[in-house]
Amino acid sequence: MEESAFNALAEAELVRIEAALEACGAELDIETMPGGVLEIEFENGSKMVINRHSAAREIWVAAKAGGFHFRHDAGRWIATRDGAELYALLSQLVSQQSGAPTEVKAG
């Protein structure tokens, strides 16, 4: 996939991620940064960063539990390490960091 096509795909996904996080019910603040970066701060002060990584053609998630890389495959973003789906993993990570069960649903 060419870089421009990846960037458009990743930017659209970051918009969906932001909307899903805003709708999930967890106490968090989201700041959209230049260059395709979402910075999420939880009520307890912990942070999560989600960004596109153009060179690797991946979306990266940095959370308290660690770092995760996702590649686009057949319309879904799949973790390169264990095959987890992006929104399923985001649900786990947001639940862990917010301290409350949370479901992050793709819009």
C-alpha atoms as a PDB file:
ATOM      1  CA  MET A   1       0.000   0.000   0.000  1.00  0.00           C
ATOM      2  CA  GLU A   2       1.345   3.409  -0.908  1.00  0.00           C
ATOM      3  CA  GLU A   3       2.032   5.856   1.906  1.00  0.00           C
ATOM      4  CA  SER A   4      -0.669   8.324   0.850  1.00  0.00           C
ATOM      5  CA  ALA A   5      -3.300   5.561   0.734  1.00  0.00           C
ATOM      6  CA  PHE A   6      -2.184   4.274   4.138  1.00  0.00           C
ATOM      7  CA  ASN A   7      -2.281   7.768   5.662  1.00  0.00           C
ATOM      8  CA  ALA A   8      -5.845   8.327   4.413  1.00  0.00           C
ATOM      9  CA  LEU A   9      -6.931   4.913   5.737  1.00  0.00           C
ATOM     10  CA  ALA A  10      -5.219   5.437   9.091  1.00  0.00           C
ATOM     11  CA  GLU A  11      -6.578   8.974   9.534  1.00  0.00           C
ATOM     12  CA  ALA A  12     -10.117   7.733   8.921  1.00  0.00           C
ATOM     13  CA  GLU A  13      -9.566   4.977  11.485  1.00  0.00           C
ATOM     14  CA  LEU A  14      -8.184   7.430  14.048  1.00  0.00           C
ATOM     15  CA  VAL A  15     -11.381   9.489  13.664  1.00  0.00           C
ATOM     16  CA  ARG A  16     -13.432   6.310  14.295  1.00  0.00           C
ATOM     17  CA  ILE A  17     -11.262   5.421  17.298  1.00  0.00           C
ATOM     18  CA  GLU A  18     -11.732   8.888  18.782  1.00  0.00           C
ATOM     19  CA  ALA A  19     -15.519   8.661  18.353  1.00  0.00           C
ATOM     20  CA  ALA A  20     -15.561   5.157  19.874  1.00  0.00           C
ATOM     21  CA  LEU A  21     -13.527   6.308  22.875  1.00  0.00           C
ATOM     22  CA  GLU A  22     -15.788   9.317  23.414  1.00  0.00           C
ATOM     23  CA  ALA A  23     -18.833   7.020  23.350  1.00  0.00           C
ATOM     24  CA  CYS A  24     -17.435   4.241  25.563  1.00  0.00           C
ATOM     25  CA  GLY A  25     -18.445   5.847  28.866  1.00  0.00           C
ATOM     26  CA  ALA A  26     -14.986   5.849  30.468  1.00  0.00           C
ATOM     27  CA  GLU A  27     -13.774   9.006  32.201  1.00  0.00           C
ATOM     28  CA  LEU A  28     -11.109  10.219  29.780  1.00  0.00           C
ATOM     29  CA  ASP A  29      -9.955  13.235  27.811  1.00  0.00           C
ATOM     30  CA  ILE A  30      -8.773  12.966  24.218  1.00  0.00           C
ATOM     31  CA  GLU A  31      -6.423  15.389  22.535  1.00  0.00           C
ATOM     32  CA  THR A  32      -5.838  15.183  18.799  1.00  0.00           C
ATOM     33  CA  MET A  33      -2.242  16.039  17.999  1.00  0.00           C
ATOM     34  CA  PRO A  34      -0.677  16.836  14.605  1.00  0.00           C
ATOM     35  CA  GLY A  35       0.647  13.952  12.536  1.00  0.00           C
ATOM     36  CA  GLY A  36      -2.060  11.430  13.319  1.00  0.00           C
ATOM     37  CA  VAL A  37      -1.721  11.156  17.104  1.00  0.00           C
ATOM     38  CA  LEU A  38      -4.429  10.722  19.741  1.00  0.00           C
ATOM     39  CA  GLU A  39      -3.397  11.318  23.334  1.00  0.00           C
ATOM     40  CA  ILE A  40      -5.842   9.913  25.869  1.00  0.00           C
ATOM     41  CA  GLU A  41      -5.653  10.873  29.542  1.00  0.00           C
ATOM     42  CA  PHE A  42      -7.657   8.954  32.123  1.00  0.00           C
ATOM     43  CA  GLU A  43      -9.165  10.320  35.313  1.00  0.00           C
ATOM     44  CA  ASN A  44      -6.378   8.612  37.326  1.00  0.00           C
ATOM     45  CA  GLY A  45      -3.710  10.507  35.357  1.00  0.00           C
ATOM     46  CA  SER A  46      -2.521   7.562  33.248  1.00  0.00           C
ATOM     47  CA  LYS A  47      -2.171   8.062  29.509  1.00  0.00           C
ATOM     48  CA  MET A  48      -2.528   6.132  26.287  1.00  0.00           C
ATOM     49  CA  VAL A  49      -1.228   7.226  22.895  1.00  0.00           C
ATOM     50  CA  ILE A  50      -2.596   5.968  19.588  1.00  0.00           C
ATOM     51  CA  ASN A  51      -0.875   6.991  16.389  1.00  0.00           C
ATOM     52  CA  ARG A  52      -0.307   6.059  12.798  1.00  0.00           C
ATOM     53  CA  HIS A  53       3.168   4.900  11.831  1.00  0.00           C
ATOM     54  CA  SER A  54       3.476   5.549   8.114  1.00  0.00           C
ATOM     55  CA  ALA A  55       6.829   3.855   7.550  1.00  0.00           C
ATOM     56  CA  ALA A  56       5.572   0.551   9.001  1.00  0.00           C
ATOM     57  CA  ARG A  57       2.003   1.054   7.634  1.00  0.00           C
ATOM     58  CA  GLU A  58       0.643   0.380  11.118  1.00  0.00           C
ATOM     59  CA  ILE A  59      -1.421   1.959  13.868  1.00  0.00           C
ATOM     60  CA  TRP A  60       0.456   1.892  17.162  1.00  0.00           C
ATOM     61  CA  VAL A  61      -1.035   1.904  20.652  1.00  0.00           C
ATOM     62  CA  ALA A  62       1.091   2.754  23.698  1.00  0.00           C
ATOM     63  CA  ALA A  63      -0.701   1.929  26.937  1.00  0.00           C
ATOM     64  CA  LYS A  64       0.180   1.182  30.530  1.00  0.00           C
ATOM     65  CA  ALA A  65       0.083  -2.539  29.606  1.00  0.00           C
ATOM     66  CA  GLY A  66       2.635  -2.095  26.781  1.00  0.00           C
ATOM     67  CA  GLY A  67       2.967  -1.277  23.111  1.00  0.00           C
ATOM     68  CA  PHE A  68       0.854  -2.799  20.344  1.00  0.00           C
ATOM     69  CA  HIS A  69       1.107  -2.603  16.544  1.00  0.00           C
ATOM     70  CA  PHE A  70      -1.835  -3.130  14.174  1.00  0.00           C
ATOM     71  CA  ARG A  71      -1.832  -3.773  10.417  1.00  0.00           C
ATOM     72  CA  HIS A  72      -4.819  -3.362   8.140  1.00  0.00           C
ATOM     73  CA  ASP A  73      -6.017  -6.731   6.861  1.00  0.00           C
ATOM     74  CA  ALA A  74      -9.280  -7.409   5.015  1.00  0.00           C
ATOM     75  CA  GLY A  75     -11.024  -4.345   6.451  1.00  0.00           C
ATOM     76  CA  ARG A  76      -9.850  -4.812  10.055  1.00  0.00           C
ATOM     77  CA  TRP A  77      -6.837  -3.698  12.082  1.00  0.00           C
ATOM     78  CA  ILE A  78      -5.094  -6.793  13.471  1.00  0.00           C
ATOM     79  CA  ALA A  79      -2.289  -6.920  16.083  1.00  0.00           C
ATOM     80  CA  THR A  80       0.981  -8.084  14.590  1.00  0.00           C
ATOM     81  CA  ARG A  81       1.960  -9.949  17.751  1.00  0.00           C
ATOM     82  CA  ASP A  82      -1.090 -12.074  18.541  1.00  0.00           C
ATOM     83  CA  GLY A  83      -3.786 -11.392  15.925  1.00  0.00           C
ATOM     84  CA  ALA A  84      -6.051  -9.455  18.329  1.00  0.00           C
ATOM     85  CA  GLU A  85      -8.546  -7.073  16.748  1.00  0.00           C
ATOM     86  CA  LEU A  86      -7.954  -3.366  17.451  1.00  0.00           C
ATOM     87  CA  TYR A  87     -11.266  -2.545  19.153  1.00  0.00           C
ATOM     88  CA  ALA A  88     -11.270  -5.716  21.265  1.00  0.00           C
ATOM     89  CA  LEU A  89      -7.820  -4.838  22.559  1.00  0.00           C
ATOM     90  CA  LEU A  90      -8.772  -1.187  23.081  1.00  0.00           C
ATOM     91  CA  SER A  91     -11.697  -2.390  25.220  1.00  0.00           C
ATOM     92  CA  GLN A  92      -9.281  -4.373  27.409  1.00  0.00           C
ATOM     93  CA  LEU A  93      -6.743  -1.566  27.650  1.00  0.00           C
ATOM     94  CA  VAL A  94      -9.304   1.156  28.435  1.00  0.00           C
ATOM     95  CA  SER A  95     -10.889  -1.120  31.049  1.00  0.00           C
ATOM     96  CA  GLN A  96      -7.501  -1.674  32.679  1.00  0.00           C
ATOM     97  CA  GLN A  97      -6.516   1.986  32.700  1.00  0.00           C
ATOM     98  CA  SER A  98      -9.886   3.400  33.680  1.00  0.00           C
ATOM     99  CA  GLY A  99     -10.509   0.780  36.359  1.00  0.00           C
ATOM    100  CA  ALA A 100     -14.027   0.027  35.051  1.00  0.00           C
ATOM    101  CA  PRO A 101     -15.285  -2.530  32.521  1.00  0.00           C
ATOM    102  CA  THR A 102     -15.517  -0.709  29.205  1.00  0.00           C
ATOM    103  CA  GLU A 103     -16.400  -1.678  25.661  1.00  0.00           C
ATOM    104  CA  VAL A 104     -14.884   0.345  22.842  1.00  0.00           C
ATOM    105  CA  LYS A 105     -17.037  -0.306  19.756  1.00  0.00           C
ATOM    106  CA  ALA A 106     -16.077   0.435  16.177  1.00  0.00           C
ATOM    107  CA  GLY A 107     -18.419   3.009  14.695  1.00  0.00           C
END
